Amino acid sequence: MQHKFILLYAWFVRTMLFFLPDIPAVMRFRGWLYGFAMKNRGVDFQVTHDAIIKDLWGISVGKHVFVGNGTVMMGSGSIEIEDEVQFAPHCIIISGNHTLKDGSFRYGKGDLGHIHIGRGAWVAGNSTVQRGGSLPAGSVLSANSFLNKEFDEPFSLYGGVPAKFIKKLDEC
């Protein structure tokens, strides 16, 4: 019953604040409200008006995290986002997956897992992070990529479908 209440709460937050502008004070207020049902929420958690965040009980967010327009985040497993992470528009972060039962994915049991996004990472637009995905600190997941495995080389560029190591990043 608690899960249904939290789903309803997330819907309520999104619905009540949807028409307010995406200015920092309003985005912080959205993040603050979502944070009440999350495992953990750091300061300055900013959520744009049309982001969809569900299954809040499985999400932990650090300080200074930004969630871009049209991003969908579902923490039915667990999602750990460290400090200073940003999600560009239209990212999908889902810690669960479907399984096959009787020749169909419709009624298969859910397969839940963990997602970890390291400090200072950037998930570029239209990317998907699936259960088992881990993006190291200071790294970039390039646009239109699919991450479903763990990487451990910080300050690197990852990309592709499925994502792979591309190169080390240099600081400016």
N, C-alpha and C. Protein backbone atom coordinates (compact mmCIF):
# COMPACT_ATOMS: atom_id res chain seq x y z
N MET A 1 0.81 -1.19 0.00
CA MET A 1 0.00 0.00 0.00
C MET A 1 0.86 1.26 0.00
N GLN A 2 1.99 1.20 0.69
CA GLN A 2 2.90 2.34 0.75
C GLN A 2 3.41 2.70 -0.64
N HIS A 3 3.72 1.69 -1.46
CA HIS A 3 4.20 1.93 -2.81
C HIS A 3 3.15 2.67 -3.63
N LYS A 4 1.90 2.30 -3.49
CA LYS A 4 0.83 2.98 -4.23
C LYS A 4 0.69 4.42 -3.79
N PHE A 5 0.83 4.66 -2.49
CA PHE A 5 0.76 6.02 -1.98
C PHE A 5 1.91 6.87 -2.54
N ILE A 6 3.11 6.30 -2.59
CA ILE A 6 4.27 7.05 -3.11
C ILE A 6 4.12 7.30 -4.61
N LEU A 7 3.56 6.34 -5.36
CA LEU A 7 3.29 6.58 -6.78
C LEU A 7 2.29 7.72 -6.94
N LEU A 8 1.26 7.73 -6.13
CA LEU A 8 0.26 8.79 -6.17
C LEU A 8 0.89 10.13 -5.78
N TYR A 9 1.77 10.12 -4.79
CA TYR A 9 2.46 11.34 -4.36
C TYR A 9 3.31 11.90 -5.49
N ALA A 10 4.07 11.05 -6.19
CA ALA A 10 4.91 11.50 -7.31
C ALA A 10 4.05 12.11 -8.41
N TRP A 11 2.92 11.47 -8.70
CA TRP A 11 1.99 12.00 -9.70
C TRP A 11 1.46 13.36 -9.26
N PHE A 12 1.13 13.49 -7.98
CA PHE A 12 0.60 14.74 -7.44
C PHE A 12 1.62 15.87 -7.58
N VAL A 13 2.87 15.61 -7.21
CA VAL A 13 3.92 16.64 -7.32
C VAL A 13 4.06 17.10 -8.77
N ARG A 14 4.14 16.14 -9.68
CA ARG A 14 4.30 16.49 -11.09
C ARG A 14 3.10 17.27 -11.61
N THR A 15 1.90 16.85 -11.28
CA THR A 15 0.69 17.49 -11.76
C THR A 15 0.53 18.91 -11.21
N MET A 16 0.76 19.09 -9.94
CA MET A 16 0.56 20.40 -9.32
C MET A 16 1.58 21.44 -9.78
N LEU A 17 2.78 21.00 -10.13
CA LEU A 17 3.84 21.96 -10.49
C LEU A 17 4.16 21.96 -11.98
N PHE A 18 3.43 21.21 -12.78
CA PHE A 18 3.72 21.07 -14.20
C PHE A 18 3.71 22.41 -14.93
N PHE A 19 2.79 23.29 -14.60
CA PHE A 19 2.62 24.53 -15.35
C PHE A 19 3.51 25.67 -14.86
N LEU A 20 4.27 25.44 -13.82
CA LEU A 20 5.19 26.47 -13.35
C LEU A 20 6.46 26.46 -14.20
N PRO A 21 7.09 27.62 -14.37
CA PRO A 21 8.25 27.71 -15.27
C PRO A 21 9.47 26.97 -14.73
N ASP A 22 10.35 26.62 -15.66
CA ASP A 22 11.60 25.95 -15.29
C ASP A 22 12.66 26.99 -14.93
N ILE A 23 12.47 27.60 -13.80
CA ILE A 23 13.48 28.51 -13.24
C ILE A 23 14.06 27.81 -12.02
N PRO A 24 15.30 28.13 -11.65
CA PRO A 24 15.96 27.38 -10.58
C PRO A 24 15.15 27.23 -9.29
N ALA A 25 14.49 28.28 -8.83
CA ALA A 25 13.74 28.19 -7.57
C ALA A 25 12.60 27.18 -7.67
N VAL A 26 11.88 27.16 -8.78
CA VAL A 26 10.77 26.22 -8.95
C VAL A 26 11.30 24.80 -9.13
N MET A 27 12.38 24.64 -9.90
CA MET A 27 12.95 23.30 -10.10
C MET A 27 13.48 22.73 -8.79
N ARG A 28 14.07 23.57 -7.94
CA ARG A 28 14.52 23.12 -6.62
C ARG A 28 13.34 22.71 -5.75
N PHE A 29 12.25 23.48 -5.84
CA PHE A 29 11.05 23.15 -5.06
C PHE A 29 10.50 21.79 -5.48
N ARG A 30 10.45 21.52 -6.79
CA ARG A 30 10.02 20.20 -7.27
C ARG A 30 10.91 19.11 -6.68
N GLY A 31 12.22 19.31 -6.78
CA GLY A 31 13.16 18.32 -6.25
C GLY A 31 12.99 18.12 -4.76
N TRP A 32 12.75 19.20 -4.04
CA TRP A 32 12.56 19.14 -2.60
C TRP A 32 11.32 18.31 -2.27
N LEU A 33 10.25 18.53 -3.02
CA LEU A 33 9.02 17.76 -2.78
C LEU A 33 9.21 16.28 -3.11
N TYR A 34 9.85 15.98 -4.25
CA TYR A 34 10.12 14.58 -4.58
C TYR A 34 10.97 13.91 -3.50
N GLY A 35 11.87 14.67 -2.92
CA GLY A 35 12.81 14.13 -1.94
C GLY A 35 12.19 13.54 -0.70
N PHE A 36 10.97 13.95 -0.35
CA PHE A 36 10.32 13.42 0.85
C PHE A 36 10.11 11.90 0.78
N ALA A 37 9.94 11.36 -0.41
CA ALA A 37 9.68 9.92 -0.54
C ALA A 37 10.90 9.15 -1.03
N MET A 38 12.02 9.84 -1.25
CA MET A 38 13.25 9.18 -1.73
C MET A 38 14.06 8.63 -0.57
N LYS A 39 14.97 7.69 -0.91
CA LYS A 39 15.92 7.18 0.08
C LYS A 39 16.73 8.33 0.66
N ASN A 40 17.22 9.19 -0.25
CA ASN A 40 18.08 10.30 0.14
C ASN A 40 18.00 11.37 -0.94
N ARG A 41 18.02 12.64 -0.52
CA ARG A 41 18.04 13.75 -1.47
C ARG A 41 18.94 14.83 -0.92
N GLY A 42 19.95 15.21 -1.71
CA GLY A 42 20.84 16.30 -1.32
C GLY A 42 20.24 17.65 -1.67
N VAL A 43 20.93 18.71 -1.27
CA VAL A 43 20.46 20.06 -1.56
C VAL A 43 20.58 20.36 -3.06
N ASP A 44 19.78 21.29 -3.52
CA ASP A 44 19.81 21.78 -4.90
C ASP A 44 19.53 20.67 -5.92
N PHE A 45 18.56 19.83 -5.62
CA PHE A 45 18.09 18.82 -6.57
C PHE A 45 17.05 19.50 -7.44
N GLN A 46 17.37 19.69 -8.74
CA GLN A 46 16.50 20.43 -9.65
C GLN A 46 15.84 19.49 -10.65
N VAL A 47 14.50 19.61 -10.78
CA VAL A 47 13.72 18.77 -11.67
C VAL A 47 12.88 19.66 -12.58
N THR A 48 13.00 19.48 -13.88
CA THR A 48 12.23 20.27 -14.83
C THR A 48 10.76 19.85 -14.82
N HIS A 49 9.90 20.68 -15.41
CA HIS A 49 8.45 20.49 -15.30
C HIS A 49 7.93 19.21 -15.92
N ASP A 50 8.54 18.72 -16.99
CA ASP A 50 7.99 17.54 -17.66
C ASP A 50 8.81 16.27 -17.44
N ALA A 51 9.72 16.30 -16.47
CA ALA A 51 10.42 15.07 -16.09
C ALA A 51 9.43 14.17 -15.34
N ILE A 52 9.59 12.88 -15.49
CA ILE A 52 8.73 11.92 -14.81
C ILE A 52 9.61 11.09 -13.88
N ILE A 53 9.33 11.17 -12.59
CA ILE A 53 10.09 10.41 -11.60
C ILE A 53 9.10 9.55 -10.83
N LYS A 54 9.29 8.24 -10.90
CA LYS A 54 8.41 7.28 -10.22
C LYS A 54 9.23 6.35 -9.35
N ASP A 55 8.54 5.62 -8.52
CA ASP A 55 9.19 4.65 -7.63
C ASP A 55 10.28 5.33 -6.81
N LEU A 56 9.90 6.41 -6.17
CA LEU A 56 10.84 7.27 -5.45
C LEU A 56 11.60 6.54 -4.34
N TRP A 57 10.99 5.52 -3.74
CA TRP A 57 11.61 4.81 -2.62
C TRP A 57 12.93 4.15 -3.00
N GLY A 58 13.18 3.94 -4.29
CA GLY A 58 14.42 3.29 -4.72
C GLY A 58 15.47 4.25 -5.23
N ILE A 59 15.25 5.56 -5.08
CA ILE A 59 16.15 6.56 -5.66
C ILE A 59 16.88 7.33 -4.56
N SER A 60 18.18 7.46 -4.72
CA SER A 60 19.02 8.26 -3.84
C SER A 60 19.76 9.29 -4.69
N VAL A 61 19.62 10.57 -4.35
CA VAL A 61 20.18 11.65 -5.15
C VAL A 61 21.10 12.51 -4.29
N GLY A 62 22.27 12.83 -4.81
CA GLY A 62 23.22 13.68 -4.11
C GLY A 62 22.93 15.16 -4.27
N LYS A 63 23.91 15.99 -3.95
CA LYS A 63 23.78 17.44 -4.02
C LYS A 63 23.97 17.93 -5.46
N HIS A 64 23.27 19.00 -5.79
CA HIS A 64 23.44 19.72 -7.06
C HIS A 64 23.21 18.83 -8.29
N VAL A 65 22.12 18.08 -8.27
CA VAL A 65 21.75 17.19 -9.37
C VAL A 65 20.67 17.89 -10.20
N PHE A 66 20.79 17.80 -11.54
CA PHE A 66 19.83 18.41 -12.46
C PHE A 66 19.22 17.33 -13.35
N VAL A 67 17.87 17.32 -13.44
CA VAL A 67 17.15 16.38 -14.28
C VAL A 67 16.47 17.17 -15.39
N GLY A 68 16.89 16.94 -16.65
CA GLY A 68 16.42 17.70 -17.80
C GLY A 68 15.04 17.35 -18.28
N ASN A 69 14.55 18.16 -19.20
CA ASN A 69 13.21 18.01 -19.76
C ASN A 69 12.97 16.63 -20.35
N GLY A 70 11.79 16.10 -20.09
CA GLY A 70 11.37 14.84 -20.69
C GLY A 70 12.09 13.61 -20.18
N THR A 71 12.89 13.75 -19.16
CA THR A 71 13.61 12.60 -18.60
C THR A 71 12.64 11.74 -17.80
N VAL A 72 12.80 10.42 -17.91
CA VAL A 72 11.99 9.47 -17.16
C VAL A 72 12.93 8.69 -16.24
N MET A 73 12.61 8.67 -14.95
CA MET A 73 13.42 7.97 -13.96
C MET A 73 12.50 7.09 -13.14
N MET A 74 12.78 5.77 -13.15
CA MET A 74 11.97 4.83 -12.39
C MET A 74 12.87 3.97 -11.52
N GLY A 75 12.74 4.12 -10.21
CA GLY A 75 13.61 3.44 -9.27
C GLY A 75 13.00 2.21 -8.63
N SER A 76 12.38 1.36 -9.42
CA SER A 76 11.76 0.16 -8.84
C SER A 76 12.81 -0.77 -8.24
N GLY A 77 14.01 -0.78 -8.77
CA GLY A 77 15.15 -1.46 -8.15
C GLY A 77 15.81 -0.43 -7.25
N SER A 78 17.02 -0.01 -7.60
CA SER A 78 17.64 1.10 -6.87
C SER A 78 18.47 1.93 -7.84
N ILE A 79 18.42 3.23 -7.64
CA ILE A 79 19.19 4.18 -8.43
C ILE A 79 19.97 5.06 -7.46
N GLU A 80 21.28 5.09 -7.63
CA GLU A 80 22.14 5.93 -6.80
C GLU A 80 22.80 6.96 -7.70
N ILE A 81 22.49 8.23 -7.45
CA ILE A 81 23.04 9.34 -8.22
C ILE A 81 23.87 10.18 -7.27
N GLU A 82 25.15 10.30 -7.54
CA GLU A 82 26.03 11.06 -6.67
C GLU A 82 25.91 12.55 -6.95
N ASP A 83 26.72 13.36 -6.27
CA ASP A 83 26.68 14.82 -6.38
C ASP A 83 27.03 15.31 -7.79
N GLU A 84 26.45 16.47 -8.14
CA GLU A 84 26.79 17.24 -9.34
C GLU A 84 26.59 16.48 -10.65
N VAL A 85 25.59 15.63 -10.71
CA VAL A 85 25.25 14.89 -11.93
C VAL A 85 24.19 15.66 -12.69
N GLN A 86 24.30 15.64 -14.02
CA GLN A 86 23.25 16.27 -14.82
C GLN A 86 22.75 15.31 -15.89
N PHE A 87 21.43 15.34 -16.06
CA PHE A 87 20.77 14.55 -17.09
C PHE A 87 20.23 15.51 -18.13
N ALA A 88 20.65 15.37 -19.37
CA ALA A 88 20.16 16.20 -20.46
C ALA A 88 18.72 15.79 -20.78
N PRO A 89 18.07 16.49 -21.72
CA PRO A 89 16.69 16.15 -22.05
C PRO A 89 16.52 14.72 -22.59
N HIS A 90 15.39 14.16 -22.25
CA HIS A 90 14.89 12.88 -22.79
C HIS A 90 15.77 11.68 -22.48
N CYS A 91 16.30 11.64 -21.27
CA CYS A 91 17.04 10.47 -20.81
C CYS A 91 16.05 9.50 -20.16
N ILE A 92 16.40 8.23 -20.16
CA ILE A 92 15.58 7.22 -19.51
C ILE A 92 16.49 6.45 -18.55
N ILE A 93 16.13 6.48 -17.28
CA ILE A 93 16.90 5.79 -16.25
C ILE A 93 15.94 4.84 -15.54
N ILE A 94 16.06 3.55 -15.82
CA ILE A 94 15.12 2.57 -15.28
C ILE A 94 15.89 1.38 -14.71
N SER A 95 15.66 1.11 -13.42
CA SER A 95 16.42 0.07 -12.72
C SER A 95 15.75 -1.30 -12.75
N GLY A 96 14.76 -1.46 -13.59
CA GLY A 96 14.10 -2.76 -13.73
C GLY A 96 14.01 -3.15 -15.19
N ASN A 97 13.67 -4.40 -15.43
CA ASN A 97 13.55 -4.89 -16.80
C ASN A 97 12.45 -5.95 -16.82
N HIS A 98 12.00 -6.30 -18.00
CA HIS A 98 10.98 -7.33 -18.17
C HIS A 98 11.64 -8.69 -18.40
N THR A 99 10.93 -9.75 -18.10
CA THR A 99 11.39 -11.10 -18.39
C THR A 99 10.34 -11.80 -19.25
N LEU A 100 10.76 -12.83 -19.91
CA LEU A 100 9.89 -13.57 -20.82
C LEU A 100 9.16 -14.68 -20.06
N LYS A 101 7.83 -14.76 -20.27
CA LYS A 101 7.03 -15.82 -19.66
C LYS A 101 6.00 -16.27 -20.68
N ASP A 102 5.99 -17.56 -20.96
CA ASP A 102 5.05 -18.14 -21.91
C ASP A 102 5.07 -17.43 -23.27
N GLY A 103 6.27 -17.08 -23.73
CA GLY A 103 6.41 -16.46 -25.04
C GLY A 103 6.04 -14.99 -25.10
N SER A 104 5.86 -14.33 -23.94
CA SER A 104 5.46 -12.93 -23.92
C SER A 104 6.19 -12.19 -22.80
N PHE A 105 6.55 -10.95 -23.07
CA PHE A 105 7.14 -10.10 -22.03
C PHE A 105 6.08 -9.39 -21.19
N ARG A 106 4.84 -9.47 -21.59
CA ARG A 106 3.76 -8.75 -20.91
C ARG A 106 3.56 -9.24 -19.48
N TYR A 107 3.64 -10.53 -19.24
CA TYR A 107 3.33 -11.07 -17.92
C TYR A 107 4.54 -11.67 -17.21
N GLY A 108 5.73 -11.42 -17.74
CA GLY A 108 6.93 -11.91 -17.07
C GLY A 108 7.20 -11.15 -15.79
N LYS A 109 7.82 -11.82 -14.84
CA LYS A 109 8.17 -11.20 -13.57
C LYS A 109 9.22 -10.10 -13.80
N GLY A 110 9.13 -9.03 -13.05
CA GLY A 110 10.11 -7.95 -13.16
C GLY A 110 11.49 -8.39 -12.70
N ASP A 111 12.51 -7.88 -13.36
CA ASP A 111 13.90 -8.18 -13.02
C ASP A 111 14.54 -6.87 -12.55
N LEU A 112 14.67 -6.69 -11.24
CA LEU A 112 15.15 -5.44 -10.67
C LEU A 112 16.64 -5.47 -10.45
N GLY A 113 17.27 -4.31 -10.59
CA GLY A 113 18.72 -4.20 -10.41
C GLY A 113 19.10 -2.84 -9.86
N HIS A 114 20.36 -2.50 -10.02
CA HIS A 114 20.93 -1.28 -9.47
C HIS A 114 21.54 -0.44 -10.58
N ILE A 115 21.44 0.86 -10.45
CA ILE A 115 22.09 1.82 -11.34
C ILE A 115 22.92 2.75 -10.47
N HIS A 116 24.14 3.06 -10.93
CA HIS A 116 25.00 4.00 -10.21
C HIS A 116 25.54 5.03 -11.19
N ILE A 117 25.35 6.31 -10.86
CA ILE A 117 25.91 7.40 -11.66
C ILE A 117 26.86 8.17 -10.75
N GLY A 118 28.14 8.20 -11.12
CA GLY A 118 29.18 8.79 -10.29
C GLY A 118 29.18 10.31 -10.26
N ARG A 119 29.89 10.86 -9.28
CA ARG A 119 29.95 12.31 -9.05
C ARG A 119 30.40 13.05 -10.31
N GLY A 120 29.68 14.11 -10.64
CA GLY A 120 30.06 14.99 -11.74
C GLY A 120 29.82 14.42 -13.12
N ALA A 121 29.11 13.32 -13.23
CA ALA A 121 28.88 12.70 -14.54
C ALA A 121 27.79 13.46 -15.30
N TRP A 122 27.77 13.25 -16.61
CA TRP A 122 26.78 13.88 -17.48
C TRP A 122 26.20 12.80 -18.38
N VAL A 123 24.90 12.63 -18.32
CA VAL A 123 24.19 11.71 -19.20
C VAL A 123 23.56 12.57 -20.29
N ALA A 124 24.09 12.49 -21.52
CA ALA A 124 23.66 13.35 -22.61
C ALA A 124 22.30 12.93 -23.15
N GLY A 125 21.72 13.79 -23.97
CA GLY A 125 20.34 13.66 -24.43
C GLY A 125 20.01 12.34 -25.11
N ASN A 126 18.78 11.90 -24.89
CA ASN A 126 18.21 10.71 -25.51
C ASN A 126 18.95 9.43 -25.16
N SER A 127 19.62 9.42 -24.02
CA SER A 127 20.35 8.22 -23.59
C SER A 127 19.50 7.41 -22.63
N THR A 128 19.80 6.12 -22.57
CA THR A 128 19.10 5.21 -21.66
C THR A 128 20.12 4.54 -20.76
N VAL A 129 19.81 4.52 -19.46
CA VAL A 129 20.62 3.79 -18.49
C VAL A 129 19.69 2.74 -17.89
N GLN A 130 20.07 1.48 -18.05
CA GLN A 130 19.25 0.34 -17.64
C GLN A 130 19.88 -0.34 -16.44
N ARG A 131 19.13 -1.20 -15.78
CA ARG A 131 19.64 -1.93 -14.61
C ARG A 131 21.02 -2.51 -14.91
N GLY A 132 21.89 -2.44 -13.93
CA GLY A 132 23.26 -2.92 -14.09
C GLY A 132 24.20 -1.86 -14.63
N GLY A 133 23.68 -0.70 -15.03
CA GLY A 133 24.52 0.36 -15.59
C GLY A 133 25.24 1.15 -14.51
N SER A 134 26.50 1.45 -14.76
CA SER A 134 27.29 2.25 -13.83
C SER A 134 28.18 3.19 -14.64
N LEU A 135 28.00 4.50 -14.43
CA LEU A 135 28.80 5.52 -15.10
C LEU A 135 29.74 6.12 -14.07
N PRO A 136 31.06 6.02 -14.29
CA PRO A 136 32.02 6.49 -13.28
C PRO A 136 32.02 8.01 -13.10
N ALA A 137 32.66 8.46 -12.05
CA ALA A 137 32.76 9.88 -11.72
C ALA A 137 33.38 10.67 -12.87
N GLY A 138 32.82 11.85 -13.13
CA GLY A 138 33.37 12.76 -14.12
C GLY A 138 33.27 12.28 -15.55
N SER A 139 32.46 11.28 -15.81
CA SER A 139 32.36 10.70 -17.14
C SER A 139 31.14 11.21 -17.88
N VAL A 140 31.13 10.99 -19.19
CA VAL A 140 30.03 11.39 -20.05
C VAL A 140 29.50 10.16 -20.76
N LEU A 141 28.18 10.02 -20.76
CA LEU A 141 27.52 9.03 -21.61
C LEU A 141 27.00 9.81 -22.79
N SER A 142 27.54 9.57 -23.97
CA SER A 142 27.21 10.39 -25.14
C SER A 142 25.75 10.24 -25.55
N ALA A 143 25.28 11.19 -26.34
CA ALA A 143 23.89 11.22 -26.76
C ALA A 143 23.50 9.94 -27.49
N ASN A 144 22.25 9.54 -27.32
CA ASN A 144 21.67 8.38 -27.99
C ASN A 144 22.37 7.06 -27.65
N SER A 145 22.86 6.95 -26.43
CA SER A 145 23.57 5.75 -26.00
C SER A 145 22.72 4.89 -25.08
N PHE A 146 23.12 3.64 -24.93
CA PHE A 146 22.43 2.69 -24.05
C PHE A 146 23.47 2.06 -23.12
N LEU A 147 23.34 2.36 -21.81
CA LEU A 147 24.29 1.86 -20.81
C LEU A 147 23.60 0.81 -19.95
N ASN A 148 24.15 -0.42 -19.97
CA ASN A 148 23.58 -1.48 -19.14
C ASN A 148 24.66 -2.34 -18.49
N LYS A 149 25.87 -1.80 -18.39
CA LYS A 149 26.94 -2.53 -17.72
C LYS A 149 27.79 -1.55 -16.92
N GLU A 150 28.66 -2.10 -16.10
CA GLU A 150 29.49 -1.27 -15.23
C GLU A 150 30.78 -0.89 -15.94
N PHE A 151 31.12 0.39 -15.82
CA PHE A 151 32.42 0.88 -16.25
C PHE A 151 33.11 1.44 -15.03
N ASP A 152 34.44 1.43 -15.03
CA ASP A 152 35.16 1.89 -13.84
C ASP A 152 36.27 2.89 -14.14
N GLU A 153 36.41 3.34 -15.37
CA GLU A 153 37.45 4.31 -15.73
C GLU A 153 36.86 5.72 -15.63
N PRO A 154 37.19 6.48 -14.54
CA PRO A 154 36.61 7.81 -14.38
C PRO A 154 37.13 8.79 -15.44
N PHE A 155 36.42 9.89 -15.59
CA PHE A 155 36.79 10.97 -16.51
C PHE A 155 36.98 10.44 -17.93
N SER A 156 35.98 9.72 -18.38
CA SER A 156 36.04 9.10 -19.71
C SER A 156 34.74 9.36 -20.46
N LEU A 157 34.80 9.15 -21.76
CA LEU A 157 33.64 9.24 -22.62
C LEU A 157 33.20 7.84 -22.99
N TYR A 158 31.91 7.56 -22.78
CA TYR A 158 31.33 6.28 -23.12
C TYR A 158 30.18 6.55 -24.08
N GLY A 159 29.94 5.65 -25.01
CA GLY A 159 28.84 5.85 -25.92
C GLY A 159 28.58 4.65 -26.80
N GLY A 160 27.43 4.69 -27.46
CA GLY A 160 27.05 3.63 -28.39
C GLY A 160 25.92 2.80 -27.85
N VAL A 161 25.53 1.82 -28.68
CA VAL A 161 24.45 0.90 -28.32
C VAL A 161 24.96 -0.52 -28.54
N PRO A 162 25.34 -1.24 -27.51
CA PRO A 162 25.46 -0.82 -26.12
C PRO A 162 26.69 0.07 -25.93
N ALA A 163 26.72 0.80 -24.81
CA ALA A 163 27.82 1.74 -24.55
C ALA A 163 29.14 1.00 -24.38
N LYS A 164 30.19 1.66 -24.85
CA LYS A 164 31.56 1.15 -24.68
C LYS A 164 32.48 2.32 -24.41
N PHE A 165 33.66 2.03 -23.90
CA PHE A 165 34.66 3.06 -23.65
C PHE A 165 35.09 3.68 -24.98
N ILE A 166 35.13 5.02 -25.04
CA ILE A 166 35.58 5.70 -26.25
C ILE A 166 36.93 6.35 -26.05
N LYS A 167 37.06 7.20 -25.01
CA LYS A 167 38.36 7.83 -24.76
C LYS A 167 38.38 8.48 -23.38
N LYS A 168 39.56 8.79 -22.90
CA LYS A 168 39.74 9.55 -21.66
C LYS A 168 39.45 11.01 -21.97
N LEU A 169 38.91 11.72 -20.98
CA LEU A 169 38.60 13.15 -21.16
C LEU A 169 39.70 13.98 -20.53
N ASP A 170 39.99 15.12 -21.17
CA ASP A 170 40.95 16.09 -20.63
C ASP A 170 40.19 17.24 -20.01
N GLU A 171 40.68 17.75 -18.88
CA GLU A 171 40.05 18.92 -18.27
C GLU A 171 40.47 20.17 -19.00
N CYS A 172 39.55 21.11 -19.10
CA CYS A 172 39.85 22.38 -19.76
C CYS A 172 40.49 23.34 -18.82
